[in-house]
Structure formats: structure tokens, C-alpha cells
Amino acid sequence: MSHIVLLHLPGEEPVAGEVEELPKPTDTVITVINPRRRDGKDVHYIDSRAVKVVWPLERISFIEILGGEEEEQIIGFVRE
């Protein structure tokens, strides 16, 4: 089960993404899948083709674990 997280880096905007498992106390890095800004746009210092990014945990102030977003339904309008 993947988790949606929000990484807070000092002096930067938060970075959203998915992680396959939450970091353990003994981990030194975190691997984030599909990194993006909170609004869904690309992070300016990450190549737009990158699908995974590995950050050292020492560069992260704190991590928010978000829930319930995967359960949202997208409602679209269809013209008949």
C-alpha cells in the first residue's frame, strides 16, 4: 500500500508524492514516487521526466502523511 506524503524541505515549497512504505527510524533516505508541488505542478529543480527521487532524510524538516485523497471521486461533465 502506498502513502501520499508531503515533504517539507527547509527554504523550499513542500513536495508531494507517494512512498511505498514510510521511513523507519534506521533509514537515511526516502524514495518518493511521482514528485510534484502541492498544486500538482513540476518541482523546478527536478527533471520533468523523473518518476522517482531519493532524498536524504537529513534534508527534510518533517513529513506529513496525507489520507483520503485516493478515495475522492472525480466528477466530469460530458456534453451529449
Protein backbone atom coordinates (compact mmCIF):
# COMPACT_ATOMS: atom_id res chain seq x y z
CA MET A 1 0.00 0.00 0.00
CA SER A 2 1.43 3.35 -0.95
CA HIS A 3 1.10 6.50 1.13
CA ILE A 4 0.71 10.06 -0.12
CA VAL A 5 3.19 12.30 1.69
CA LEU A 6 4.11 15.96 1.81
CA LEU A 7 7.83 16.60 2.37
CA HIS A 8 8.85 19.89 3.96
CA LEU A 9 12.35 20.95 2.92
CA PRO A 10 14.00 24.00 4.54
CA GLY A 11 13.71 27.06 2.29
CA GLU A 12 11.64 25.24 -0.36
CA GLU A 13 7.99 24.69 -1.15
CA PRO A 14 6.61 21.36 0.12
CA VAL A 15 6.92 18.42 -2.27
CA ALA A 16 4.07 15.92 -2.61
CA GLY A 17 4.47 12.35 -3.77
CA GLU A 18 3.88 8.71 -2.98
CA VAL A 19 6.03 6.35 -0.97
CA GLU A 20 5.68 2.58 -0.92
CA GLU A 21 6.41 2.46 2.80
CA LEU A 22 7.04 5.06 5.46
CA PRO A 23 10.63 5.61 6.58
CA LYS A 24 11.81 3.64 9.61
CA PRO A 25 13.90 5.20 12.38
CA THR A 26 17.00 3.49 10.96
CA ASP A 27 16.51 4.77 7.37
CA THR A 28 18.74 7.52 6.00
CA VAL A 29 16.87 8.21 2.74
CA ILE A 30 13.30 8.38 1.47
CA THR A 31 12.28 7.40 -2.07
CA VAL A 32 9.39 9.45 -3.44
CA ILE A 33 7.42 8.36 -6.49
CA ASN A 34 5.91 10.99 -8.80
CA PRO A 35 7.30 14.08 -7.01
CA ARG A 36 5.35 17.29 -7.60
CA ARG A 37 4.38 20.51 -5.91
CA ARG A 38 1.29 20.56 -3.75
CA ASP A 39 -0.72 22.03 -6.64
CA GLY A 40 0.39 19.22 -8.98
CA LYS A 41 2.92 21.25 -11.00
CA ASP A 42 6.52 20.14 -11.59
CA VAL A 43 9.19 20.90 -8.99
CA HIS A 44 11.56 23.36 -10.71
CA TYR A 45 14.79 21.63 -9.66
CA ILE A 46 13.69 18.10 -10.64
CA ASP A 47 13.75 16.95 -14.27
CA SER A 48 10.20 16.61 -15.59
CA ARG A 49 10.94 13.02 -16.74
CA ALA A 50 11.90 11.83 -13.24
CA VAL A 51 9.48 9.31 -11.75
CA LYS A 52 11.37 8.62 -8.50
CA VAL A 53 13.58 10.84 -6.35
CA VAL A 54 15.69 9.77 -3.38
CA TRP A 55 16.16 12.41 -0.67
CA PRO A 56 18.43 12.12 2.37
CA LEU A 57 16.25 12.38 5.46
CA GLU A 58 18.68 14.90 6.98
CA ARG A 59 17.46 17.44 4.36
CA ILE A 60 13.80 17.08 5.38
CA SER A 61 12.31 19.13 8.23
CA PHE A 62 9.23 16.94 8.60
CA ILE A 63 6.89 14.67 6.63
CA GLU A 64 3.10 14.90 6.51
CA ILE A 65 1.18 11.71 5.71
CA LEU A 66 -1.99 12.55 3.82
CA GLY A 67 -5.03 10.32 3.73
CA GLY A 68 -8.29 10.02 1.93
CA GLU A 69 -7.23 11.62 -1.35
CA GLU A 70 -7.17 8.32 -3.19
CA GLU A 71 -10.82 7.82 -2.23
CA GLU A 72 -12.00 11.06 -3.86
CA GLN A 73 -14.13 10.65 -6.93
CA ILE A 74 -13.56 12.84 -9.96
CA ILE A 75 -16.79 14.07 -11.46
CA GLY A 76 -16.58 15.30 -15.01
CA PHE A 77 -19.11 16.95 -17.24
CA VAL A 78 -19.97 15.29 -20.53
CA ARG A 79 -21.75 17.09 -23.30
CA GLU A 80 -24.24 14.87 -25.06
